[in-house]
Amino acid sequence: MPRPVRSGQGAVASPNMSEQAHTAATVSEPTPEVVAQLLDVVADQSVDHALSDIERMIARLRANAEEAAEAREVLRNTPAPVLREALRLRAARIEATR
């Protein structure tokens, strides 16, 4: 049996609700109830999509933070003359792109 899905203000919808709504909509003009069910389906999908995007963004931020921490550690242990030359090279590279 399909698991119920919560959708806004405590409503419970079954996953096959969109199929029922689609069938009802093709038989005659959609009723307000059918349209409300379709709106729930669309809203649930939008929320799921947004949450998935947020989870990917958080994972990317964590990976970037780890990479930055590793880079800072390397820079702390880099001799001053090497840092100066690296800064000069970086400045020249940035200037060349302008």
PDB file of N, CA and C in Angstrom:
ATOM      1  N   MET A   1       0.852  -1.189   0.000  1.00  0.00           N
ATOM      2  CA  MET A   1       0.000   0.000   0.000  1.00  0.00           C
ATOM      3  C   MET A   1       0.890   1.241   0.000  1.00  0.00           C
ATOM      4  N   PRO A   2       0.585   2.262  -0.808  1.00  0.00           N
ATOM      5  CA  PRO A   2       1.411   3.473  -0.850  1.00  0.00           C
ATOM      6  C   PRO A   2       1.385   4.205   0.480  1.00  0.00           C
ATOM      7  N   ARG A   3       2.524   4.774   0.805  1.00  0.00           N
ATOM      8  CA  ARG A   3       2.649   5.525   2.047  1.00  0.00           C
ATOM      9  C   ARG A   3       2.023   6.905   1.893  1.00  0.00           C
ATOM     10  N   PRO A   4       1.248   7.377   2.879  1.00  0.00           N
ATOM     11  CA  PRO A   4       0.674   8.724   2.790  1.00  0.00           C
ATOM     12  C   PRO A   4       1.766   9.785   2.804  1.00  0.00           C
ATOM     13  N   VAL A   5       1.491  10.881   2.143  1.00  0.00           N
ATOM     14  CA  VAL A   5       2.431  11.996   2.071  1.00  0.00           C
ATOM     15  C   VAL A   5       1.761  13.216   2.667  1.00  0.00           C
ATOM     16  N   ARG A   6       2.454  13.905   3.571  1.00  0.00           N
ATOM     17  CA  ARG A   6       1.884  15.121   4.157  1.00  0.00           C
ATOM     18  C   ARG A   6       2.065  16.268   3.178  1.00  0.00           C
ATOM     19  N   SER A   7       1.073  17.112   3.113  1.00  0.00           N
ATOM     20  CA  SER A   7       1.142  18.231   2.189  1.00  0.00           C
ATOM     21  C   SER A   7       0.391  19.414   2.770  1.00  0.00           C
ATOM     22  N   GLY A   8       1.124  20.414   3.246  1.00  0.00           N
ATOM     23  CA  GLY A   8       0.514  21.640   3.752  1.00  0.00           C
ATOM     24  C   GLY A   8      -0.534  21.415   4.819  1.00  0.00           C
ATOM     25  N   GLN A   9      -0.745  22.244   5.692  1.00  0.00           N
ATOM     26  CA  GLN A   9      -1.748  22.328   6.748  1.00  0.00           C
ATOM     27  C   GLN A   9      -2.304  20.979   7.204  1.00  0.00           C
ATOM     28  N   GLY A  10      -1.445  19.986   7.380  1.00  0.00           N
ATOM     29  CA  GLY A  10      -1.862  18.718   7.951  1.00  0.00           C
ATOM     30  C   GLY A  10      -2.605  17.792   7.010  1.00  0.00           C
ATOM     31  N   ALA A  11      -2.762  18.167   5.745  1.00  0.00           N
ATOM     32  CA  ALA A  11      -3.453  17.295   4.801  1.00  0.00           C
ATOM     33  C   ALA A  11      -2.603  16.067   4.532  1.00  0.00           C
ATOM     34  N   VAL A  12      -3.251  14.961   4.265  1.00  0.00           N
ATOM     35  CA  VAL A  12      -2.527  13.731   3.940  1.00  0.00           C
ATOM     36  C   VAL A  12      -2.982  13.284   2.561  1.00  0.00           C
ATOM     37  N   ALA A  13      -2.001  13.053   1.684  1.00  0.00           N
ATOM     38  CA  ALA A  13      -2.312  12.626   0.328  1.00  0.00           C
ATOM     39  C   ALA A  13      -1.569  11.335   0.034  1.00  0.00           C
ATOM     40  N   SER A  14      -2.179  10.454  -0.707  1.00  0.00           N
ATOM     41  CA  SER A  14      -1.471   9.234  -1.091  1.00  0.00           C
ATOM     42  C   SER A  14      -0.685   9.519  -2.365  1.00  0.00           C
ATOM     43  N   PRO A  15       0.444   8.820  -2.578  1.00  0.00           N
ATOM     44  CA  PRO A  15       1.263   9.073  -3.760  1.00  0.00           C
ATOM     45  C   PRO A  15       0.518   8.900  -5.076  1.00  0.00           C
ATOM     46  N   ASN A  16      -0.525   8.074  -5.117  1.00  0.00           N
ATOM     47  CA  ASN A  16      -1.247   7.893  -6.376  1.00  0.00           C
ATOM     48  C   ASN A  16      -2.356   8.926  -6.554  1.00  0.00           C
ATOM     49  N   MET A  17      -2.392   9.932  -5.684  1.00  0.00           N
ATOM     50  CA  MET A  17      -3.424  10.958  -5.765  1.00  0.00           C
ATOM     51  C   MET A  17      -3.348  11.690  -7.097  1.00  0.00           C
ATOM     52  N   SER A  18      -2.136  11.924  -7.601  1.00  0.00           N
ATOM     53  CA  SER A  18      -2.017  12.636  -8.864  1.00  0.00           C
ATOM     54  C   SER A  18      -2.623  11.818  -9.999  1.00  0.00           C
ATOM     55  N   GLU A  19      -2.488  10.486  -9.927  1.00  0.00           N
ATOM     56  CA  GLU A  19      -3.111   9.637 -10.939  1.00  0.00           C
ATOM     57  C   GLU A  19      -4.630   9.755 -10.868  1.00  0.00           C
ATOM     58  N   GLN A  20      -5.164   9.743  -9.641  1.00  0.00           N
ATOM     59  CA  GLN A  20      -6.609   9.881  -9.464  1.00  0.00           C
ATOM     60  C   GLN A  20      -7.065  11.243  -9.977  1.00  0.00           C
ATOM     61  N   ALA A  21      -6.311  12.272  -9.637  1.00  0.00           N
ATOM     62  CA  ALA A  21      -6.668  13.619 -10.058  1.00  0.00           C
ATOM     63  C   ALA A  21      -6.592  13.721 -11.578  1.00  0.00           C
ATOM     64  N   HIS A  22      -5.569  13.113 -12.171  1.00  0.00           N
ATOM     65  CA  HIS A  22      -5.419  13.157 -13.624  1.00  0.00           C
ATOM     66  C   HIS A  22      -6.592  12.450 -14.305  1.00  0.00           C
ATOM     67  N   THR A  23      -6.958  11.288 -13.789  1.00  0.00           N
ATOM     68  CA  THR A  23      -8.076  10.533 -14.354  1.00  0.00           C
ATOM     69  C   THR A  23      -9.360  11.342 -14.249  1.00  0.00           C
ATOM     70  N   ALA A  24      -9.595  11.928 -13.097  1.00  0.00           N
ATOM     71  CA  ALA A  24     -10.808  12.723 -12.901  1.00  0.00           C
ATOM     72  C   ALA A  24     -10.802  13.945 -13.808  1.00  0.00           C
ATOM     73  N   ALA A  25      -9.636  14.537 -14.011  1.00  0.00           N
ATOM     74  CA  ALA A  25      -9.551  15.744 -14.827  1.00  0.00           C
ATOM     75  C   ALA A  25      -9.795  15.437 -16.298  1.00  0.00           C
ATOM     76  N   THR A  26      -9.441  14.233 -16.753  1.00  0.00           N
ATOM     77  CA  THR A  26      -9.633  13.909 -18.161  1.00  0.00           C
ATOM     78  C   THR A  26     -11.067  13.506 -18.466  1.00  0.00           C
ATOM     79  N   VAL A  27     -11.812  13.057 -17.468  1.00  0.00           N
ATOM     80  CA  VAL A  27     -13.193  12.634 -17.676  1.00  0.00           C
ATOM     81  C   VAL A  27     -14.097  13.843 -17.874  1.00  0.00           C
ATOM     82  N   SER A  28     -13.921  14.868 -17.080  1.00  0.00           N
ATOM     83  CA  SER A  28     -14.757  16.061 -17.175  1.00  0.00           C
ATOM     84  C   SER A  28     -13.936  17.266 -16.739  1.00  0.00           C
ATOM     85  N   GLU A  29     -14.595  18.384 -16.633  1.00  0.00           N
ATOM     86  CA  GLU A  29     -13.908  19.577 -16.118  1.00  0.00           C
ATOM     87  C   GLU A  29     -13.395  19.284 -14.716  1.00  0.00           C
ATOM     88  N   PRO A  30     -12.158  19.707 -14.409  1.00  0.00           N
ATOM     89  CA  PRO A  30     -11.628  19.433 -13.068  1.00  0.00           C
ATOM     90  C   PRO A  30     -12.437  20.166 -11.996  1.00  0.00           C
ATOM     91  N   THR A  31     -12.693  19.459 -10.924  1.00  0.00           N
ATOM     92  CA  THR A  31     -13.401  20.057  -9.798  1.00  0.00           C
ATOM     93  C   THR A  31     -12.401  20.818  -8.945  1.00  0.00           C
ATOM     94  N   PRO A  32     -12.866  21.698  -8.082  1.00  0.00           N
ATOM     95  CA  PRO A  32     -11.944  22.384  -7.172  1.00  0.00           C
ATOM     96  C   PRO A  32     -11.130  21.405  -6.334  1.00  0.00           C
ATOM     97  N   GLU A  33     -11.730  20.273  -5.937  1.00  0.00           N
ATOM     98  CA  GLU A  33     -11.010  19.267  -5.146  1.00  0.00           C
ATOM     99  C   GLU A  33      -9.854  18.673  -5.952  1.00  0.00           C
ATOM    100  N   VAL A  34     -10.115  18.343  -7.212  1.00  0.00           N
ATOM    101  CA  VAL A  34      -9.069  17.783  -8.073  1.00  0.00           C
ATOM    102  C   VAL A  34      -7.957  18.803  -8.275  1.00  0.00           C
ATOM    103  N   VAL A  35      -8.324  20.036  -8.528  1.00  0.00           N
ATOM    104  CA  VAL A  35      -7.321  21.093  -8.722  1.00  0.00           C
ATOM    105  C   VAL A  35      -6.509  21.286  -7.446  1.00  0.00           C
ATOM    106  N   ALA A  36      -7.166  21.237  -6.293  1.00  0.00           N
ATOM    107  CA  ALA A  36      -6.447  21.369  -5.016  1.00  0.00           C
ATOM    108  C   ALA A  36      -5.451  20.226  -4.849  1.00  0.00           C
ATOM    109  N   GLN A  37      -5.854  19.009  -5.216  1.00  0.00           N
ATOM    110  CA  GLN A  37      -4.946  17.864  -5.134  1.00  0.00           C
ATOM    111  C   GLN A  37      -3.756  18.044  -6.075  1.00  0.00           C
ATOM    112  N   LEU A  38      -4.018  18.526  -7.276  1.00  0.00           N
ATOM    113  CA  LEU A  38      -2.930  18.770  -8.230  1.00  0.00           C
ATOM    114  C   LEU A  38      -1.977  19.840  -7.707  1.00  0.00           C
ATOM    115  N   LEU A  39      -2.517  20.867  -7.090  1.00  0.00           N
ATOM    116  CA  LEU A  39      -1.667  21.910  -6.498  1.00  0.00           C
ATOM    117  C   LEU A  39      -0.788  21.333  -5.397  1.00  0.00           C
ATOM    118  N   ASP A  40      -1.345  20.423  -4.593  1.00  0.00           N
ATOM    119  CA  ASP A  40      -0.555  19.752  -3.553  1.00  0.00           C
ATOM    120  C   ASP A  40       0.599  18.963  -4.161  1.00  0.00           C
ATOM    121  N   VAL A  41       0.314  18.240  -5.236  1.00  0.00           N
ATOM    122  CA  VAL A  41       1.348  17.439  -5.899  1.00  0.00           C
ATOM    123  C   VAL A  41       2.473  18.343  -6.394  1.00  0.00           C
ATOM    124  N   VAL A  42       2.124  19.439  -7.047  1.00  0.00           N
ATOM    125  CA  VAL A  42       3.126  20.370  -7.573  1.00  0.00           C
ATOM    126  C   VAL A  42       3.918  21.005  -6.436  1.00  0.00           C
ATOM    127  N   ALA A  43       3.243  21.418  -5.373  1.00  0.00           N
ATOM    128  CA  ALA A  43       3.930  22.049  -4.236  1.00  0.00           C
ATOM    129  C   ALA A  43       4.893  21.077  -3.573  1.00  0.00           C
ATOM    130  N   ASP A  44       4.459  19.832  -3.382  1.00  0.00           N
ATOM    131  CA  ASP A  44       5.336  18.829  -2.770  1.00  0.00           C
ATOM    132  C   ASP A  44       6.579  18.609  -3.613  1.00  0.00           C
ATOM    133  N   GLN A  45       6.404  18.536  -4.923  1.00  0.00           N
ATOM    134  CA  GLN A  45       7.549  18.319  -5.805  1.00  0.00           C
ATOM    135  C   GLN A  45       8.492  19.518  -5.752  1.00  0.00           C
ATOM    136  N   SER A  46       7.958  20.733  -5.703  1.00  0.00           N
ATOM    137  CA  SER A  46       8.791  21.930  -5.631  1.00  0.00           C
ATOM    138  C   SER A  46       9.598  21.955  -4.342  1.00  0.00           C
ATOM    139  N   VAL A  47       8.977  21.590  -3.231  1.00  0.00           N
ATOM    140  CA  VAL A  47       9.673  21.557  -1.942  1.00  0.00           C
ATOM    141  C   VAL A  47      10.771  20.506  -1.972  1.00  0.00           C
ATOM    142  N   ASP A  48      10.462  19.321  -2.490  1.00  0.00           N
ATOM    143  CA  ASP A  48      11.470  18.262  -2.582  1.00  0.00           C
ATOM    144  C   ASP A  48      12.646  18.706  -3.435  1.00  0.00           C
ATOM    145  N   HIS A  49      12.352  19.378  -4.536  1.00  0.00           N
ATOM    146  CA  HIS A  49      13.400  19.876  -5.431  1.00  0.00           C
ATOM    147  C   HIS A  49      14.273  20.905  -4.711  1.00  0.00           C
ATOM    148  N   ALA A  50      13.632  21.829  -4.007  1.00  0.00           N
ATOM    149  CA  ALA A  50      14.371  22.869  -3.283  1.00  0.00           C
ATOM    150  C   ALA A  50      15.245  22.256  -2.197  1.00  0.00           C
ATOM    151  N   LEU A  51      14.711  21.288  -1.453  1.00  0.00           N
ATOM    152  CA  LEU A  51      15.496  20.637  -0.399  1.00  0.00           C
ATOM    153  C   LEU A  51      16.695  19.905  -0.984  1.00  0.00           C
ATOM    154  N   SER A  52      16.499  19.263  -2.103  1.00  0.00           N
ATOM    155  CA  SER A  52      17.595  18.555  -2.763  1.00  0.00           C
ATOM    156  C   SER A  52      18.680  19.542  -3.190  1.00  0.00           C
ATOM    157  N   ASP A  53      18.270  20.684  -3.752  1.00  0.00           N
ATOM    158  CA  ASP A  53      19.234  21.715  -4.152  1.00  0.00           C
ATOM    159  C   ASP A  53      19.993  22.251  -2.945  1.00  0.00           C
ATOM    160  N   ILE A  54      19.292  22.462  -1.841  1.00  0.00           N
ATOM    161  CA  ILE A  54      19.929  22.971  -0.619  1.00  0.00           C
ATOM    162  C   ILE A  54      20.934  21.957  -0.089  1.00  0.00           C
ATOM    163  N   GLU A  55      20.560  20.680  -0.098  1.00  0.00           N
ATOM    164  CA  GLU A  55      21.482  19.638   0.379  1.00  0.00           C
ATOM    165  C   GLU A  55      22.748  19.595  -0.471  1.00  0.00           C
ATOM    166  N   ARG A  56      22.596  19.723  -1.800  1.00  0.00           N
ATOM    167  CA  ARG A  56      23.779  19.743  -2.683  1.00  0.00           C
ATOM    168  C   ARG A  56      24.646  20.966  -2.407  1.00  0.00           C
ATOM    169  N   MET A  57      24.013  22.117  -2.178  1.00  0.00           N
ATOM    170  CA  MET A  57      24.759  23.336  -1.909  1.00  0.00           C
ATOM    171  C   MET A  57      25.533  23.212  -0.593  1.00  0.00           C
ATOM    172  N   ILE A  58      24.912  22.660   0.427  1.00  0.00           N
ATOM    173  CA  ILE A  58      25.588  22.476   1.719  1.00  0.00           C
ATOM    174  C   ILE A  58      26.779  21.540   1.559  1.00  0.00           C
ATOM    175  N   ALA A  59      26.609  20.462   0.813  1.00  0.00           N
ATOM    176  CA  ALA A  59      27.721  19.527   0.583  1.00  0.00           C
ATOM    177  C   ALA A  59      28.863  20.225  -0.141  1.00  0.00           C
ATOM    178  N   ARG A  60      28.531  21.047  -1.129  1.00  0.00           N
ATOM    179  CA  ARG A  60      29.558  21.784  -1.875  1.00  0.00           C
ATOM    180  C   ARG A  60      30.269  22.785  -0.971  1.00  0.00           C
ATOM    181  N   LEU A  61      29.512  23.479  -0.117  1.00  0.00           N
ATOM    182  CA  LEU A  61      30.121  24.433   0.815  1.00  0.00           C
ATOM    183  C   LEU A  61      31.053  23.731   1.792  1.00  0.00           C
ATOM    184  N   ARG A  62      30.635  22.566   2.277  1.00  0.00           N
ATOM    185  CA  ARG A  62      31.495  21.804   3.195  1.00  0.00           C
ATOM    186  C   ARG A  62      32.782  21.378   2.501  1.00  0.00           C
ATOM    187  N   ALA A  63      32.667  20.910   1.274  1.00  0.00           N
ATOM    188  CA  ALA A  63      33.857  20.497   0.523  1.00  0.00           C
ATOM    189  C   ALA A  63      34.778  21.692   0.292  1.00  0.00           C
ATOM    190  N   ASN A  64      34.195  22.830  -0.057  1.00  0.00           N
ATOM    191  CA  ASN A  64      34.998  24.040  -0.269  1.00  0.00           C
ATOM    192  C   ASN A  64      35.670  24.483   1.025  1.00  0.00           C
ATOM    193  N   ALA A  65      34.973  24.370   2.143  1.00  0.00           N
ATOM    194  CA  ALA A  65      35.548  24.761   3.437  1.00  0.00           C
ATOM    195  C   ALA A  65      36.717  23.854   3.797  1.00  0.00           C
ATOM    196  N   GLU A  66      36.573  22.558   3.533  1.00  0.00           N
ATOM    197  CA  GLU A  66      37.671  21.621   3.811  1.00  0.00           C
ATOM    198  C   GLU A  66      38.872  21.936   2.931  1.00  0.00           C
ATOM    199  N   GLU A  67      38.613  22.218   1.663  1.00  0.00           N
ATOM    200  CA  GLU A  67      39.693  22.555   0.736  1.00  0.00           C
ATOM    201  C   GLU A  67      40.393  23.841   1.176  1.00  0.00           C
ATOM    202  N   ALA A  68      39.622  24.839   1.598  1.00  0.00           N
ATOM    203  CA  ALA A  68      40.203  26.105   2.055  1.00  0.00           C
ATOM    204  C   ALA A  68      41.034  25.896   3.318  1.00  0.00           C
ATOM    205  N   ALA A  69      40.568  25.055   4.225  1.00  0.00           N
ATOM    206  CA  ALA A  69      41.324  24.778   5.454  1.00  0.00           C
ATOM    207  C   ALA A  69      42.661  24.116   5.122  1.00  0.00           C
ATOM    208  N   GLU A  70      42.638  23.179   4.176  1.00  0.00           N
ATOM    209  CA  GLU A  70      43.884  22.528   3.759  1.00  0.00           C
ATOM    210  C   GLU A  70      44.830  23.534   3.111  1.00  0.00           C
ATOM    211  N   ALA A  71      44.289  24.415   2.285  1.00  0.00           N
ATOM    212  CA  ALA A  71      45.112  25.433   1.622  1.00  0.00           C
ATOM    213  C   ALA A  71      45.736  26.374   2.647  1.00  0.00           C
ATOM    214  N   ARG A  72      44.952  26.787   3.650  1.00  0.00           N
ATOM    215  CA  ARG A  72      45.504  27.673   4.692  1.00  0.00           C
ATOM    216  C   ARG A  72      46.648  26.996   5.432  1.00  0.00           C
ATOM    217  N   GLU A  73      46.498  25.705   5.699  1.00  0.00           N
ATOM    218  CA  GLU A  73      47.556  24.969   6.398  1.00  0.00           C
ATOM    219  C   GLU A  73      48.838  24.942   5.563  1.00  0.00           C
ATOM    220  N   VAL A  74      48.701  24.702   4.270  1.00  0.00           N
ATOM    221  CA  VAL A  74      49.876  24.702   3.384  1.00  0.00           C
ATOM    222  C   VAL A  74      50.516  26.084   3.371  1.00  0.00           C
ATOM    223  N   LEU A  75      49.697  27.124   3.261  1.00  0.00           N
ATOM    224  CA  LEU A  75      50.234  28.492   3.213  1.00  0.00           C
ATOM    225  C   LEU A  75      50.952  28.862   4.510  1.00  0.00           C
ATOM    226  N   ARG A  76      50.445  28.405   5.653  1.00  0.00           N
ATOM    227  CA  ARG A  76      51.111  28.692   6.936  1.00  0.00           C
ATOM    228  C   ARG A  76      52.526  28.119   6.975  1.00  0.00           C
ATOM    229  N   ASN A  77      52.720  27.008   6.291  1.00  0.00           N
ATOM    230  CA  ASN A  77      54.017  26.333   6.324  1.00  0.00           C
ATOM    231  C   ASN A  77      54.896  26.663   5.115  1.00  0.00           C
ATOM    232  N   THR A  78      54.467  27.596   4.287  1.00  0.00           N
ATOM    233  CA  THR A  78      55.235  27.972   3.096  1.00  0.00           C
ATOM    234  C   THR A  78      56.222  29.077   3.456  1.00  0.00           C
ATOM    235  N   PRO A  79      57.486  28.963   3.028  1.00  0.00           N
ATOM    236  CA  PRO A  79      58.479  30.004   3.321  1.00  0.00           C
ATOM    237  C   PRO A  79      58.081  31.350   2.701  1.00  0.00           C
ATOM    238  N   ALA A  80      58.464  32.432   3.375  1.00  0.00           N
ATOM    239  CA  ALA A  80      58.103  33.791   2.954  1.00  0.00           C
ATOM    240  C   ALA A  80      58.515  34.098   1.513  1.00  0.00           C
ATOM    241  N   PRO A  81      59.737  33.761   1.073  1.00  0.00           N
ATOM    242  CA  PRO A  81      60.102  34.082  -0.321  1.00  0.00           C
ATOM    243  C   PRO A  81      59.175  33.407  -1.345  1.00  0.00           C
ATOM    244  N   VAL A  82      58.755  32.198  -1.056  1.00  0.00           N
ATOM    245  CA  VAL A  82      57.841  31.490  -1.965  1.00  0.00           C
ATOM    246  C   VAL A  82      56.481  32.183  -1.972  1.00  0.00           C
ATOM    247  N   LEU A  83      56.006  32.611  -0.810  1.00  0.00           N
ATOM    248  CA  LEU A  83      54.730  33.335  -0.733  1.00  0.00           C
ATOM    249  C   LEU A  83      54.787  34.639  -1.520  1.00  0.00           C
ATOM    250  N   ARG A  84      55.892  35.386  -1.367  1.00  0.00           N
ATOM    251  CA  ARG A  84      56.030  36.658  -2.097  1.00  0.00           C
ATOM    252  C   ARG A  84      55.979  36.426  -3.603  1.00  0.00           C
ATOM    253  N   GLU A  85      56.714  35.423  -4.085  1.00  0.00           N
ATOM    254  CA  GLU A  85      56.721  35.122  -5.525  1.00  0.00           C
ATOM    255  C   GLU A  85      55.338  34.670  -5.991  1.00  0.00           C
ATOM    256  N   ALA A  86      54.662  33.871  -5.182  1.00  0.00           N
ATOM    257  CA  ALA A  86      53.312  33.414  -5.524  1.00  0.00           C
ATOM    258  C   ALA A  86      52.343  34.590  -5.615  1.00  0.00           C
ATOM    259  N   LEU A  87      52.457  35.534  -4.680  1.00  0.00           N
ATOM    260  CA  LEU A  87      51.598  36.723  -4.714  1.00  0.00           C
ATOM    261  C   LEU A  87      51.878  37.560  -5.957  1.00  0.00           C
ATOM    262  N   ARG A  88      53.166  37.676  -6.323  1.00  0.00           N
ATOM    263  CA  ARG A  88      53.533  38.435  -7.524  1.00  0.00           C
ATOM    264  C   ARG A  88      52.937  37.760  -8.762  1.00  0.00           C
ATOM    265  N   LEU A  89      53.081  36.439  -8.869  1.00  0.00           N
ATOM    266  CA  LEU A  89      52.533  35.697 -10.007  1.00  0.00           C
ATOM    267  C   LEU A  89      51.012  35.819 -10.083  1.00  0.00           C
ATOM    268  N   ARG A  90      50.386  35.731  -8.941  1.00  0.00           N
ATOM    269  CA  ARG A  90      48.915  35.835  -8.893  1.00  0.00           C
ATOM    270  C   ARG A  90      48.456  37.218  -9.332  1.00  0.00           C
ATOM    271  N   ALA A  91      49.138  38.257  -8.841  1.00  0.00           N
ATOM    272  CA  ALA A  91      48.784  39.628  -9.228  1.00  0.00           C
ATOM    273  C   ALA A  91      48.962  39.821 -10.732  1.00  0.00           C
ATOM    274  N   ALA A  92      50.044  39.276 -11.296  1.00  0.00           N
ATOM    275  CA  ALA A  92      50.278  39.398 -12.736  1.00  0.00           C
ATOM    276  C   ALA A  92      49.187  38.669 -13.524  1.00  0.00           C
ATOM    277  N   ARG A  93      48.784  37.506 -13.049  1.00  0.00           N
ATOM    278  CA  ARG A  93      47.737  36.730 -13.715  1.00  0.00           C
ATOM    279  C   ARG A  93      46.404  37.481 -13.685  1.00  0.00           C
ATOM    280  N   ILE A  94      46.089  38.077 -12.542  1.00  0.00           N
ATOM    281  CA  ILE A  94      44.839  38.843 -12.417  1.00  0.00           C
ATOM    282  C   ILE A  94      44.876  40.056 -13.333  1.00  0.00           C
ATOM    283  N   GLU A  95      46.004  40.739 -13.368  1.00  0.00           N
ATOM    284  CA  GLU A  95      46.151  41.932 -14.210  1.00  0.00           C
ATOM    285  C   GLU A  95      46.021  41.562 -15.688  1.00  0.00           C
ATOM    286  N   ALA A  96      46.535  40.411 -16.072  1.00  0.00           N
ATOM    287  CA  ALA A  96      46.476  39.980 -17.471  1.00  0.00           C
ATOM    288  C   ALA A  96      45.041  39.697 -17.919  1.00  0.00           C
ATOM    289  N   THR A  97      44.174  39.326 -17.008  1.00  0.00           N
ATOM    290  CA  THR A  97      42.784  39.030 -17.372  1.00  0.00           C
ATOM    291  C   THR A  97      41.925  40.283 -17.468  1.00  0.00           C
ATOM    292  N   ARG A  98      42.442  41.409 -17.032  1.00  0.00           N
ATOM    293  CA  ARG A  98      41.657  42.662 -17.083  1.00  0.00           C
ATOM    294  C   ARG A  98      41.696  43.298 -18.417  1.00  0.00           C
TER     295      ARG A  98
END
